[in-house]
């Protein structure tokens, strides 16, 4: 409750107030903090060198094979110069901390890029196969190591031992590439063709039974000399290729070309290893082929030894067997009546 003294003071204050009620006190305008009234002097040379490093890193052309590594190097150099500038000349803790964070992030990326480009050591037994089959198709060494290092084995066969026996061995178990030696393919004891180094052993069966499982080999494959081959588990290989579209296309191409070479070997059983290598350097004529039917086309129409002998002699006139010829088109082979 206000006392009489307080009320008297308020009364005299109102009497002495300005009579002009429209007059208002205008506060003084404070200077705008974002307005640059005077520019500071240029920063130290370290600041400008840091920005030069950032600019150089951003203009590195992506066509260079090492452009990402060079970019990370320039970014790390720029961050290091900013840290030195902020610490020695600006005494700015926030600038220093942020650039330390950027430096650590770029160093982690730089280390990862170096790790990806580390030299891959391919097993000596697989080096020739990689150079011959996979390197021309631009398969990187790390991809090849991943392909051959997890779910495949290197196996051997002595002279005379069987890789597959007709009507007995399942075609669903494996896919193999011959690394060393020579194998012979025969049907009912009759020679069909040879398999040489750096060629698939059972590519026809792999291709022709992709849709039909549970089939048996219709030919016998035996080692002509001491052989060594790389063997994949078919199920695990198929699963792996489904997850890598590039390697899947590489395998489709290699298997198609290998089947083409085997077709030529069927037409000319005396085809030598040098001739096979010469054909290997030529483009593949087909991408798909039921080679199991090719190897055993005589069995699809007649089971007689006479028909088999006619096929082996290459006689196409007067025979009930279809003659299969290669053509350069979407279909791998056509039957000529």
C-alpha atoms as a PDB file:
ATOM      1  CA  UNK A   1       0.000   0.000   0.000  1.00  0.00           C
ATOM      2  CA  UNK A   2       1.443   3.364  -1.080  1.00  0.00           C
ATOM      3  CA  UNK A   3       2.236   5.870   1.701  1.00  0.00           C
ATOM      4  CA  UNK A   4       1.250   9.594   1.567  1.00  0.00           C
ATOM      5  CA  UNK A   5       4.845  10.525   0.818  1.00  0.00           C
ATOM      6  CA  UNK A   6       4.957   8.266  -2.261  1.00  0.00           C
ATOM      7  CA  UNK A   7       1.699   9.662  -3.600  1.00  0.00           C
ATOM      8  CA  UNK A   8       2.958  13.211  -3.229  1.00  0.00           C
ATOM      9  CA  UNK A   9       6.113  12.367  -5.175  1.00  0.00           C
ATOM     10  CA  UNK A  10       4.121  10.853  -8.020  1.00  0.00           C
ATOM     11  CA  UNK A  11       1.871  13.921  -8.184  1.00  0.00           C
ATOM     12  CA  UNK A  12       4.762  16.380  -8.567  1.00  0.00           C
ATOM     13  CA  UNK A  13       6.377  14.106 -11.165  1.00  0.00           C
ATOM     14  CA  UNK A  14       3.263  14.206 -13.323  1.00  0.00           C
ATOM     15  CA  UNK A  15       3.120  17.983 -13.087  1.00  0.00           C
ATOM     16  CA  UNK A  16       6.704  18.379 -14.274  1.00  0.00           C
ATOM     17  CA  UNK A  17       6.317  15.921 -17.221  1.00  0.00           C
ATOM     18  CA  UNK A  18       6.414  17.385 -20.815  1.00  0.00           C
ATOM     19  CA  UNK A  19       3.113  18.765 -21.956  1.00  0.00           C
ATOM     20  CA  UNK A  20       3.646  17.443 -25.528  1.00  0.00           C
ATOM     21  CA  UNK A  21       2.228  13.951 -25.311  1.00  0.00           C
ATOM     22  CA  UNK A  22       3.197  13.216 -28.961  1.00  0.00           C
ATOM     23  CA  UNK A  23       6.907  13.640 -28.243  1.00  0.00           C
ATOM     24  CA  UNK A  24       8.670  10.247 -27.982  1.00  0.00           C
ATOM     25  CA  UNK A  25      12.200   9.492 -27.027  1.00  0.00           C
ATOM     26  CA  UNK A  26      14.145   8.033 -30.013  1.00  0.00           C
ATOM     27  CA  UNK A  27      16.916   5.635 -28.930  1.00  0.00           C
ATOM     28  CA  UNK A  28      20.283   5.985 -30.544  1.00  0.00           C
ATOM     29  CA  UNK A  29      20.882   3.550 -33.416  1.00  0.00           C
ATOM     30  CA  UNK A  30      23.420   0.926 -32.555  1.00  0.00           C
ATOM     31  CA  UNK A  31      26.034   0.241 -35.220  1.00  0.00           C
ATOM     32  CA  UNK A  32      25.320  -2.864 -37.348  1.00  0.00           C
ATOM     33  CA  UNK A  33      27.713  -5.666 -36.363  1.00  0.00           C
ATOM     34  CA  UNK A  34      27.651  -7.277 -39.872  1.00  0.00           C
ATOM     35  CA  UNK A  35      28.646  -4.133 -41.698  1.00  0.00           C
ATOM     36  CA  UNK A  36      32.322  -4.007 -42.685  1.00  0.00           C
ATOM     37  CA  UNK A  37      33.374  -0.451 -41.831  1.00  0.00           C
ATOM     38  CA  UNK A  38      37.083  -1.265 -42.130  1.00  0.00           C
ATOM     39  CA  UNK A  39      38.612  -4.300 -43.858  1.00  0.00           C
ATOM     40  CA  UNK A  40      41.234  -6.229 -41.960  1.00  0.00           C
ATOM     41  CA  UNK A  41      44.650  -6.838 -43.362  1.00  0.00           C
ATOM     42  CA  UNK A  42      45.294  -9.952 -45.446  1.00  0.00           C
ATOM     43  CA  UNK A  43      45.835 -13.138 -43.479  1.00  0.00           C
ATOM     44  CA  UNK A  44      49.133 -14.901 -43.165  1.00  0.00           C
ATOM     45  CA  UNK A  45      50.683 -16.784 -46.091  1.00  0.00           C
ATOM     46  CA  UNK A  46      49.761 -20.155 -44.532  1.00  0.00           C
ATOM     47  CA  UNK A  47      46.070 -19.319 -44.911  1.00  0.00           C
ATOM     48  CA  UNK A  48      46.458 -18.626 -48.617  1.00  0.00           C
ATOM     49  CA  UNK A  49      48.575 -21.728 -49.197  1.00  0.00           C
ATOM     50  CA  UNK A  50      45.881 -23.839 -47.542  1.00  0.00           C
ATOM     51  CA  UNK A  51      43.251 -22.479 -49.923  1.00  0.00           C
ATOM     52  CA  UNK A  52      45.552 -23.058 -52.896  1.00  0.00           C
ATOM     53  CA  UNK A  53      45.845 -26.735 -51.888  1.00  0.00           C
ATOM     54  CA  UNK A  54      42.076 -27.076 -51.680  1.00  0.00           C
ATOM     55  CA  UNK A  55      41.654 -25.447 -55.093  1.00  0.00           C
ATOM     56  CA  UNK A  56      44.259 -27.722 -56.705  1.00  0.00           C
ATOM     57  CA  UNK A  57      42.609 -30.787 -55.247  1.00  0.00           C
ATOM     58  CA  UNK A  58      39.228 -29.817 -56.679  1.00  0.00           C
ATOM     59  CA  UNK A  59      40.529 -29.211 -60.226  1.00  0.00           C
ATOM     60  CA  UNK A  60      42.327 -32.572 -60.589  1.00  0.00           C
ATOM     61  CA  UNK A  61      40.701 -34.260 -63.632  1.00  0.00           C
ATOM     62  CA  UNK A  62      38.845 -37.490 -62.976  1.00  0.00           C
ATOM     63  CA  UNK A  63      40.489 -39.059 -66.031  1.00  0.00           C
ATOM     64  CA  UNK A  64      43.658 -39.581 -64.010  1.00  0.00           C
ATOM     65  CA  UNK A  65      43.915 -43.033 -62.511  1.00  0.00           C
ATOM     66  CA  UNK A  66      45.120 -41.632 -59.179  1.00  0.00           C
ATOM     67  CA  UNK A  67      42.796 -38.634 -59.041  1.00  0.00           C
ATOM     68  CA  UNK A  68      41.082 -39.718 -55.802  1.00  0.00           C
ATOM     69  CA  UNK A  69      44.401 -40.301 -54.045  1.00  0.00           C
ATOM     70  CA  UNK A  70      45.739 -36.945 -55.257  1.00  0.00           C
ATOM     71  CA  UNK A  71      42.541 -35.232 -54.125  1.00  0.00           C
ATOM     72  CA  UNK A  72      42.895 -36.640 -50.608  1.00  0.00           C
ATOM     73  CA  UNK A  73      46.551 -35.617 -50.475  1.00  0.00           C
ATOM     74  CA  UNK A  74      45.749 -32.019 -51.403  1.00  0.00           C
ATOM     75  CA  UNK A  75      42.861 -31.863 -48.917  1.00  0.00           C
ATOM     76  CA  UNK A  76      45.108 -33.153 -46.131  1.00  0.00           C
ATOM     77  CA  UNK A  77      47.788 -30.587 -47.041  1.00  0.00           C
ATOM     78  CA  UNK A  78      45.213 -27.796 -46.963  1.00  0.00           C
ATOM     79  CA  UNK A  79      43.841 -28.888 -43.588  1.00  0.00           C
ATOM     80  CA  UNK A  80      47.365 -29.096 -42.149  1.00  0.00           C
ATOM     81  CA  UNK A  81      48.153 -25.519 -43.274  1.00  0.00           C
ATOM     82  CA  UNK A  82      44.893 -24.244 -41.800  1.00  0.00           C
ATOM     83  CA  UNK A  83      45.712 -25.923 -38.494  1.00  0.00           C
ATOM     84  CA  UNK A  84      49.139 -24.268 -38.433  1.00  0.00           C
ATOM     85  CA  UNK A  85      47.625 -20.876 -39.339  1.00  0.00           C
ATOM     86  CA  UNK A  86      44.854 -21.108 -36.732  1.00  0.00           C
ATOM     87  CA  UNK A  87      47.260 -22.232 -34.016  1.00  0.00           C
ATOM     88  CA  UNK A  88      50.218 -19.935 -34.615  1.00  0.00           C
ATOM     89  CA  UNK A  89      48.681 -16.749 -35.972  1.00  0.00           C
ATOM     90  CA  UNK A  90      44.970 -16.615 -35.140  1.00  0.00           C
ATOM     91  CA  UNK A  91      44.829 -18.532 -31.841  1.00  0.00           C
ATOM     92  CA  UNK A  92      41.379 -19.741 -32.960  1.00  0.00           C
ATOM     93  CA  UNK A  93      40.485 -22.965 -31.197  1.00  0.00           C
ATOM     94  CA  UNK A  94      37.330 -23.647 -33.239  1.00  0.00           C
ATOM     95  CA  UNK A  95      39.131 -23.325 -36.602  1.00  0.00           C
ATOM     96  CA  UNK A  96      41.882 -25.628 -35.404  1.00  0.00           C
ATOM     97  CA  UNK A  97      39.459 -28.301 -34.104  1.00  0.00           C
ATOM     98  CA  UNK A  98      37.359 -28.398 -37.287  1.00  0.00           C
ATOM     99  CA  UNK A  99      40.405 -28.753 -39.494  1.00  0.00           C
ATOM    100  CA  UNK A 100      41.770 -31.527 -37.293  1.00  0.00           C
ATOM    101  CA  UNK A 101      38.474 -33.383 -37.810  1.00  0.00           C
ATOM    102  CA  UNK A 102      38.689 -32.861 -41.588  1.00  0.00           C
ATOM    103  CA  UNK A 103      42.303 -34.010 -41.590  1.00  0.00           C
ATOM    104  CA  UNK A 104      41.459 -37.253 -39.790  1.00  0.00           C
ATOM    105  CA  UNK A 105      38.539 -38.005 -42.146  1.00  0.00           C
ATOM    106  CA  UNK A 106      40.658 -37.444 -45.261  1.00  0.00           C
ATOM    107  CA  UNK A 107      43.487 -39.528 -43.849  1.00  0.00           C
ATOM    108  CA  UNK A 108      41.094 -42.453 -43.303  1.00  0.00           C
ATOM    109  CA  UNK A 109      39.872 -42.199 -46.907  1.00  0.00           C
ATOM    110  CA  UNK A 110      43.464 -41.934 -48.131  1.00  0.00           C
ATOM    111  CA  UNK A 111      44.467 -45.073 -46.220  1.00  0.00           C
ATOM    112  CA  UNK A 112      41.520 -47.000 -47.653  1.00  0.00           C
ATOM    113  CA  UNK A 113      42.399 -45.978 -51.209  1.00  0.00           C
ATOM    114  CA  UNK A 114      45.985 -47.133 -50.706  1.00  0.00           C
ATOM    115  CA  UNK A 115      44.730 -50.423 -49.289  1.00  0.00           C
ATOM    116  CA  UNK A 116      42.565 -51.005 -52.360  1.00  0.00           C
ATOM    117  CA  UNK A 117      45.558 -50.421 -54.630  1.00  0.00           C
ATOM    118  CA  UNK A 118      47.864 -52.718 -52.729  1.00  0.00           C
ATOM    119  CA  UNK A 119      49.660 -55.283 -54.901  1.00  0.00           C
ATOM    120  CA  UNK A 120      47.748 -58.565 -55.011  1.00  0.00           C
ATOM    121  CA  UNK A 121      49.829 -61.703 -54.936  1.00  0.00           C
ATOM    122  CA  UNK A 122      48.267 -64.336 -57.167  1.00  0.00           C
ATOM    123  CA  UNK A 123      49.307 -67.923 -56.650  1.00  0.00           C
ATOM    124  CA  UNK A 124      52.009 -68.977 -59.088  1.00  0.00           C
ATOM    125  CA  UNK A 125      49.863 -71.862 -60.364  1.00  0.00           C
ATOM    126  CA  UNK A 126      47.030 -69.469 -61.176  1.00  0.00           C
ATOM    127  CA  UNK A 127      49.108 -66.637 -62.652  1.00  0.00           C
ATOM    128  CA  UNK A 128      49.183 -68.081 -66.180  1.00  0.00           C
ATOM    129  CA  UNK A 129      45.426 -68.672 -66.142  1.00  0.00           C
ATOM    130  CA  UNK A 130      44.787 -65.107 -65.003  1.00  0.00           C
ATOM    131  CA  UNK A 131      47.054 -63.641 -67.701  1.00  0.00           C
ATOM    132  CA  UNK A 132      45.529 -65.817 -70.414  1.00  0.00           C
ATOM    133  CA  UNK A 133      41.825 -65.751 -69.582  1.00  0.00           C
ATOM    134  CA  UNK A 134      40.837 -63.024 -67.138  1.00  0.00           C
ATOM    135  CA  UNK A 135      43.259 -60.121 -67.493  1.00  0.00           C
ATOM    136  CA  UNK A 136      42.318 -59.428 -71.155  1.00  0.00           C
ATOM    137  CA  UNK A 137      38.729 -58.987 -69.950  1.00  0.00           C
ATOM    138  CA  UNK A 138      39.820 -56.320 -67.430  1.00  0.00           C
ATOM    139  CA  UNK A 139      39.220 -58.463 -64.362  1.00  0.00           C
ATOM    140  CA  UNK A 140      41.209 -56.865 -61.566  1.00  0.00           C
ATOM    141  CA  UNK A 141      43.608 -58.924 -59.519  1.00  0.00           C
ATOM    142  CA  UNK A 142      41.639 -58.412 -56.322  1.00  0.00           C
ATOM    143  CA  UNK A 143      38.457 -59.643 -58.044  1.00  0.00           C
ATOM    144  CA  UNK A 144      40.303 -62.676 -59.374  1.00  0.00           C
ATOM    145  CA  UNK A 145      41.695 -63.434 -55.924  1.00  0.00           C
ATOM    146  CA  UNK A 146      38.218 -63.168 -54.452  1.00  0.00           C
ATOM    147  CA  UNK A 147      36.923 -65.514 -57.140  1.00  0.00           C
ATOM    148  CA  UNK A 148      39.599 -68.157 -56.605  1.00  0.00           C
ATOM    149  CA  UNK A 149      40.408 -67.754 -52.937  1.00  0.00           C
ATOM    150  CA  UNK A 150      37.272 -68.835 -51.133  1.00  0.00           C
ATOM    151  CA  UNK A 151      35.298 -71.660 -52.670  1.00  0.00           C
ATOM    152  CA  UNK A 152      37.586 -73.502 -55.047  1.00  0.00           C
ATOM    153  CA  UNK A 153      40.365 -76.060 -54.765  1.00  0.00           C
ATOM    154  CA  UNK A 154      43.310 -77.201 -56.853  1.00  0.00           C
ATOM    155  CA  UNK A 155      43.155 -80.929 -57.561  1.00  0.00           C
ATOM    156  CA  UNK A 156      45.345 -83.360 -59.481  1.00  0.00           C
ATOM    157  CA  UNK A 157      44.827 -86.425 -61.632  1.00  0.00           C
ATOM    158  CA  UNK A 158      47.420 -88.993 -62.573  1.00  0.00           C
ATOM    159  CA  UNK A 159      47.712 -90.303 -66.110  1.00  0.00           C
ATOM    160  CA  UNK A 160      44.788 -92.538 -66.924  1.00  0.00           C
ATOM    161  CA  UNK A 161      42.579 -91.397 -64.051  1.00  0.00           C
ATOM    162  CA  UNK A 162      39.056 -90.235 -64.853  1.00  0.00           C
ATOM    163  CA  UNK A 163      37.655 -86.809 -64.281  1.00  0.00           C
ATOM    164  CA  UNK A 164      34.187 -87.974 -65.341  1.00  0.00           C
ATOM    165  CA  UNK A 165      32.675 -91.271 -66.450  1.00  0.00           C
ATOM    166  CA  UNK A 166      29.789 -91.324 -68.881  1.00  0.00           C
ATOM    167  CA  UNK A 167      26.381 -92.125 -67.388  1.00  0.00           C
ATOM    168  CA  UNK A 168      27.902 -92.214 -63.895  1.00  0.00           C
ATOM    169  CA  UNK A 169      29.346 -88.853 -62.835  1.00  0.00           C
ATOM    170  CA  UNK A 170      26.906 -86.066 -61.995  1.00  0.00           C
ATOM    171  CA  UNK A 171      27.365 -82.751 -63.795  1.00  0.00           C
ATOM    172  CA  UNK A 172      25.894 -80.732 -60.907  1.00  0.00           C
ATOM    173  CA  UNK A 173      28.880 -80.837 -58.594  1.00  0.00           C
ATOM    174  CA  UNK A 174      31.674 -78.707 -60.069  1.00  0.00           C
ATOM    175  CA  UNK A 175      33.150 -76.573 -62.812  1.00  0.00           C
ATOM    176  CA  UNK A 176      36.857 -76.864 -63.555  1.00  0.00           C
ATOM    177  CA  UNK A 177      39.659 -75.235 -65.549  1.00  0.00           C
ATOM    178  CA  UNK A 178      42.693 -77.268 -66.561  1.00  0.00           C
ATOM    179  CA  UNK A 179      45.883 -75.666 -65.249  1.00  0.00           C
ATOM    180  CA  UNK A 180      48.446 -78.220 -66.358  1.00  0.00           C
ATOM    181  CA  UNK A 181      48.478 -81.295 -68.563  1.00  0.00           C
ATOM    182  CA  UNK A 182      46.089 -82.630 -71.192  1.00  0.00           C
ATOM    183  CA  UNK A 183      42.802 -84.528 -71.038  1.00  0.00           C
ATOM    184  CA  UNK A 184      40.974 -86.697 -73.532  1.00  0.00           C
ATOM    185  CA  UNK A 185      37.233 -86.702 -74.140  1.00  0.00           C
ATOM    186  CA  UNK A 186      35.700 -89.890 -75.524  1.00  0.00           C
ATOM    187  CA  UNK A 187      32.284 -91.385 -76.112  1.00  0.00           C
ATOM    188  CA  UNK A 188      31.898 -95.149 -75.817  1.00  0.00           C
ATOM    189  CA  UNK A 189      35.633 -95.522 -76.240  1.00  0.00           C
ATOM    190  CA  UNK A 190      35.793 -93.347 -79.353  1.00  0.00           C
ATOM    191  CA  UNK A 191      37.986 -90.266 -79.183  1.00  0.00           C
ATOM    192  CA  UNK A 192      36.216 -86.932 -79.611  1.00  0.00           C
ATOM    193  CA  UNK A 193      38.703 -84.156 -78.744  1.00  0.00           C
ATOM    194  CA  UNK A 194      41.423 -83.058 -76.342  1.00  0.00           C
ATOM    195  CA  UNK A 195      41.333 -80.496 -73.560  1.00  0.00           C
ATOM    196  CA  UNK A 196      44.436 -78.356 -73.149  1.00  0.00           C
ATOM    197  CA  UNK A 197      45.827 -76.014 -70.513  1.00  0.00           C
ATOM    198  CA  UNK A 198      43.760 -72.952 -69.543  1.00  0.00           C
ATOM    199  CA  UNK A 199      40.530 -74.398 -70.896  1.00  0.00           C
ATOM    200  CA  UNK A 200      37.344 -75.382 -69.120  1.00  0.00           C
ATOM    201  CA  UNK A 201      36.960 -79.107 -68.629  1.00  0.00           C
ATOM    202  CA  UNK A 202      33.193 -79.352 -68.305  1.00  0.00           C
ATOM    203  CA  UNK A 203      31.877 -76.068 -69.722  1.00  0.00           C
ATOM    204  CA  UNK A 204      29.359 -77.786 -72.072  1.00  0.00           C
ATOM    205  CA  UNK A 205      27.768 -79.621 -69.196  1.00  0.00           C
ATOM    206  CA  UNK A 206      27.763 -76.473 -67.049  1.00  0.00           C
ATOM    207  CA  UNK A 207      25.939 -74.490 -69.732  1.00  0.00           C
ATOM    208  CA  UNK A 208      23.529 -77.159 -70.921  1.00  0.00           C
ATOM    209  CA  UNK A 209      22.394 -78.207 -67.456  1.00  0.00           C
ATOM    210  CA  UNK A 210      21.847 -74.761 -65.930  1.00  0.00           C
ATOM    211  CA  UNK A 211      18.112 -75.309 -66.320  1.00  0.00           C
ATOM    212  CA  UNK A 212      18.040 -79.093 -65.955  1.00  0.00           C
ATOM    213  CA  UNK A 213      19.709 -80.484 -62.873  1.00  0.00           C
ATOM    214  CA  UNK A 214      20.426 -84.099 -62.035  1.00  0.00           C
ATOM    215  CA  UNK A 215      22.055 -84.933 -65.391  1.00  0.00           C
ATOM    216  CA  UNK A 216      24.966 -87.307 -65.846  1.00  0.00           C
ATOM    217  CA  UNK A 217      28.037 -86.913 -68.018  1.00  0.00           C
ATOM    218  CA  UNK A 218      27.413 -88.426 -71.451  1.00  0.00           C
ATOM    219  CA  UNK A 219      31.145 -88.570 -72.201  1.00  0.00           C
ATOM    220  CA  UNK A 220      34.246 -89.847 -70.438  1.00  0.00           C
ATOM    221  CA  UNK A 221      36.994 -87.378 -69.578  1.00  0.00           C
ATOM    222  CA  UNK A 222      40.362 -88.919 -68.716  1.00  0.00           C
ATOM    223  CA  UNK A 223      43.822 -87.540 -67.995  1.00  0.00           C
ATOM    224  CA  UNK A 224      46.264 -88.130 -70.845  1.00  0.00           C
ATOM    225  CA  UNK A 225      49.140 -87.089 -68.570  1.00  0.00           C
ATOM    226  CA  UNK A 226      49.613 -85.785 -65.062  1.00  0.00           C
ATOM    227  CA  UNK A 227      46.991 -83.022 -64.757  1.00  0.00           C
ATOM    228  CA  UNK A 228      46.261 -80.230 -62.329  1.00  0.00           C
ATOM    229  CA  UNK A 229      42.991 -78.318 -62.432  1.00  0.00           C
ATOM    230  CA  UNK A 230      41.141 -75.591 -60.557  1.00  0.00           C
ATOM    231  CA  UNK A 231      37.767 -76.817 -59.333  1.00  0.00           C
ATOM    232  CA  UNK A 232      34.824 -74.683 -58.193  1.00  0.00           C
ATOM    233  CA  UNK A 233      31.834 -75.899 -56.278  1.00  0.00           C
ATOM    234  CA  UNK A 234      29.105 -75.322 -58.830  1.00  0.00           C
ATOM    235  CA  UNK A 235      26.436 -74.296 -56.335  1.00  0.00           C
ATOM    236  CA  UNK A 236      28.664 -71.794 -54.507  1.00  0.00           C
ATOM    237  CA  UNK A 237      30.065 -70.422 -57.762  1.00  0.00           C
ATOM    238  CA  UNK A 238      26.585 -69.855 -59.156  1.00  0.00           C
ATOM    239  CA  UNK A 239      25.533 -68.060 -55.985  1.00  0.00           C
ATOM    240  CA  UNK A 240      28.641 -65.874 -56.088  1.00  0.00           C
ATOM    241  CA  UNK A 241      28.192 -64.941 -59.749  1.00  0.00           C
ATOM    242  CA  UNK A 242      24.581 -63.927 -59.114  1.00  0.00           C
ATOM    243  CA  UNK A 243      25.868 -61.288 -56.707  1.00  0.00           C
ATOM    244  CA  UNK A 244      28.467 -59.912 -59.147  1.00  0.00           C
ATOM    245  CA  UNK A 245      27.045 -59.020 -62.541  1.00  0.00           C
ATOM    246  CA  UNK A 246      30.441 -58.174 -64.060  1.00  0.00           C
ATOM    247  CA  UNK A 247      32.052 -61.521 -63.237  1.00  0.00           C
ATOM    248  CA  UNK A 248      28.858 -63.257 -64.304  1.00  0.00           C
ATOM    249  CA  UNK A 249      29.171 -61.741 -67.776  1.00  0.00           C
ATOM    250  CA  UNK A 250      32.875 -62.629 -67.854  1.00  0.00           C
ATOM    251  CA  UNK A 251      32.049 -66.271 -67.136  1.00  0.00           C
ATOM    252  CA  UNK A 252      29.314 -66.321 -69.745  1.00  0.00           C
ATOM    253  CA  UNK A 253      31.772 -65.043 -72.339  1.00  0.00           C
ATOM    254  CA  UNK A 254      34.588 -67.413 -71.353  1.00  0.00           C
ATOM    255  CA  UNK A 255      32.336 -70.455 -71.270  1.00  0.00           C
ATOM    256  CA  UNK A 256      30.771 -69.536 -74.623  1.00  0.00           C
ATOM    257  CA  UNK A 257      34.190 -69.153 -76.226  1.00  0.00           C
ATOM    258  CA  UNK A 258      35.413 -72.402 -74.676  1.00  0.00           C
ATOM    259  CA  UNK A 259      32.403 -74.254 -76.037  1.00  0.00           C
ATOM    260  CA  UNK A 260      33.102 -72.806 -79.473  1.00  0.00           C
ATOM    261  CA  UNK A 261      36.674 -74.086 -79.358  1.00  0.00           C
ATOM    262  CA  UNK A 262      35.422 -77.517 -78.351  1.00  0.00           C
ATOM    263  CA  UNK A 263      33.075 -77.492 -81.316  1.00  0.00           C
ATOM    264  CA  UNK A 264      36.000 -76.844 -83.646  1.00  0.00           C
ATOM    265  CA  UNK A 265      37.858 -79.662 -81.915  1.00  0.00           C
ATOM    266  CA  UNK A 266      34.922 -81.969 -82.626  1.00  0.00           C
ATOM    267  CA  UNK A 267      35.043 -81.085 -86.309  1.00  0.00           C
ATOM    268  CA  UNK A 268      38.852 -81.498 -86.306  1.00  0.00           C
ATOM    269  CA  UNK A 269      39.983 -83.912 -83.570  1.00  0.00           C
ATOM    270  CA  UNK A 270      43.631 -83.363 -84.550  1.00  0.00           C
ATOM    271  CA  UNK A 271      43.464 -79.686 -83.573  1.00  0.00           C
ATOM    272  CA  UNK A 272      46.655 -78.856 -81.681  1.00  0.00           C
ATOM    273  CA  UNK A 273      47.169 -76.752 -78.600  1.00  0.00           C
ATOM    274  CA  UNK A 274      48.761 -73.990 -80.711  1.00  0.00           C
ATOM    275  CA  UNK A 275      45.703 -73.860 -82.948  1.00  0.00           C
ATOM    276  CA  UNK A 276      43.459 -73.637 -79.908  1.00  0.00           C
ATOM    277  CA  UNK A 277      45.510 -70.703 -78.570  1.00  0.00           C
ATOM    278  CA  UNK A 278      45.216 -68.994 -81.961  1.00  0.00           C
ATOM    279  CA  UNK A 279      41.440 -69.376 -81.888  1.00  0.00           C
ATOM    280  CA  UNK A 280      41.432 -68.153 -78.308  1.00  0.00           C
ATOM    281  CA  UNK A 281      42.614 -64.751 -79.471  1.00  0.00           C
ATOM    282  CA  UNK A 282      39.685 -64.453 -81.867  1.00  0.00           C
ATOM    283  CA  UNK A 283      36.221 -63.246 -80.810  1.00  0.00           C
ATOM    284  CA  UNK A 284      33.812 -65.887 -79.605  1.00  0.00           C
ATOM    285  CA  UNK A 285      31.272 -67.043 -82.193  1.00  0.00           C
ATOM    286  CA  UNK A 286      28.579 -67.854 -79.684  1.00  0.00           C
ATOM    287  CA  UNK A 287      27.418 -67.107 -76.223  1.00  0.00           C
ATOM    288  CA  UNK A 288      25.086 -70.055 -75.642  1.00  0.00           C
ATOM    289  CA  UNK A 289      25.283 -73.685 -76.714  1.00  0.00           C
ATOM    290  CA  UNK A 290      24.003 -77.026 -75.551  1.00  0.00           C
ATOM    291  CA  UNK A 291      27.346 -78.680 -76.069  1.00  0.00           C
ATOM    292  CA  UNK A 292      26.256 -81.854 -74.363  1.00  0.00           C
ATOM    293  CA  UNK A 293      24.051 -82.451 -77.380  1.00  0.00           C
ATOM    294  CA  UNK A 294      27.006 -81.645 -79.641  1.00  0.00           C
ATOM    295  CA  UNK A 295      29.303 -84.110 -77.959  1.00  0.00           C
ATOM    296  CA  UNK A 296      26.612 -86.732 -78.174  1.00  0.00           C
ATOM    297  CA  UNK A 297      24.555 -85.813 -81.199  1.00  0.00           C
ATOM    298  CA  UNK A 298      25.070 -89.354 -82.440  1.00  0.00           C
ATOM    299  CA  UNK A 299      23.356 -90.652 -79.332  1.00  0.00           C
ATOM    300  CA  UNK A 300      20.311 -88.428 -79.814  1.00  0.00           C
ATOM    301  CA  UNK A 301      19.368 -90.118 -83.106  1.00  0.00           C
ATOM    302  CA  UNK A 302      21.011 -93.524 -83.187  1.00  0.00           C
ATOM    303  CA  UNK A 303      22.809 -95.817 -80.761  1.00  0.00           C
ATOM    304  CA  UNK A 304      24.412 -98.014 -83.338  1.00  0.00           C
ATOM    305  CA  UNK A 305      28.166 -98.245 -83.745  1.00  0.00           C
ATOM    306  CA  UNK A 306      27.753 -97.706 -87.489  1.00  0.00           C
ATOM    307  CA  UNK A 307      26.215 -94.296 -86.952  1.00  0.00           C
ATOM    308  CA  UNK A 308      28.929 -93.455 -84.444  1.00  0.00           C
ATOM    309  CA  UNK A 309      31.665 -94.413 -86.873  1.00  0.00           C
ATOM    310  CA  UNK A 310      30.059 -92.283 -89.568  1.00  0.00           C
ATOM    311  CA  UNK A 311      30.037 -89.325 -87.258  1.00  0.00           C
ATOM    312  CA  UNK A 312      33.664 -89.807 -86.263  1.00  0.00           C
ATOM    313  CA  UNK A 313      34.708 -90.062 -89.903  1.00  0.00           C
ATOM    314  CA  UNK A 314      32.985 -86.732 -90.524  1.00  0.00           C
ATOM    315  CA  UNK A 315      30.605 -88.260 -93.054  1.00  0.00           C
ATOM    316  CA  UNK A 316      27.497 -86.165 -93.326  1.00  0.00           C
ATOM    317  CA  UNK A 317      26.027 -87.528 -96.596  1.00  0.00           C
ATOM    318  CA  UNK A 318      23.741 -90.482 -96.328  1.00  0.00           C
ATOM    319  CA  UNK A 319      23.753 -90.308 -92.534  1.00  0.00           C
ATOM    320  CA  UNK A 320      20.753 -89.813 -90.311  1.00  0.00           C
ATOM    321  CA  UNK A 321      22.826 -87.702 -87.920  1.00  0.00           C
ATOM    322  CA  UNK A 322      22.438 -83.922 -88.008  1.00  0.00           C
ATOM    323  CA  UNK A 323      25.559 -81.972 -88.870  1.00  0.00           C
ATOM    324  CA  UNK A 324      26.147 -79.033 -86.581  1.00  0.00           C
ATOM    325  CA  UNK A 325      27.883 -75.991 -88.014  1.00  0.00           C
ATOM    326  CA  UNK A 326      28.979 -72.789 -86.271  1.00  0.00           C
ATOM    327  CA  UNK A 327      27.436 -69.542 -87.361  1.00  0.00           C
ATOM    328  CA  UNK A 328      28.177 -65.996 -86.313  1.00  0.00           C
ATOM    329  CA  UNK A 329      24.817 -64.864 -84.950  1.00  0.00           C
ATOM    330  CA  UNK A 330      22.727 -64.760 -81.803  1.00  0.00           C
ATOM    331  CA  UNK A 331      22.207 -68.527 -81.919  1.00  0.00           C
ATOM    332  CA  UNK A 332      25.319 -70.502 -81.360  1.00  0.00           C
ATOM    333  CA  UNK A 333      24.715 -73.395 -83.716  1.00  0.00           C
ATOM    334  CA  UNK A 334      22.224 -74.568 -86.253  1.00  0.00           C
ATOM    335  CA  UNK A 335      21.466 -78.079 -87.493  1.00  0.00           C
ATOM    336  CA  UNK A 336      21.724 -78.669 -91.201  1.00  0.00           C
ATOM    337  CA  UNK A 337      19.550 -81.575 -92.378  1.00  0.00           C
END
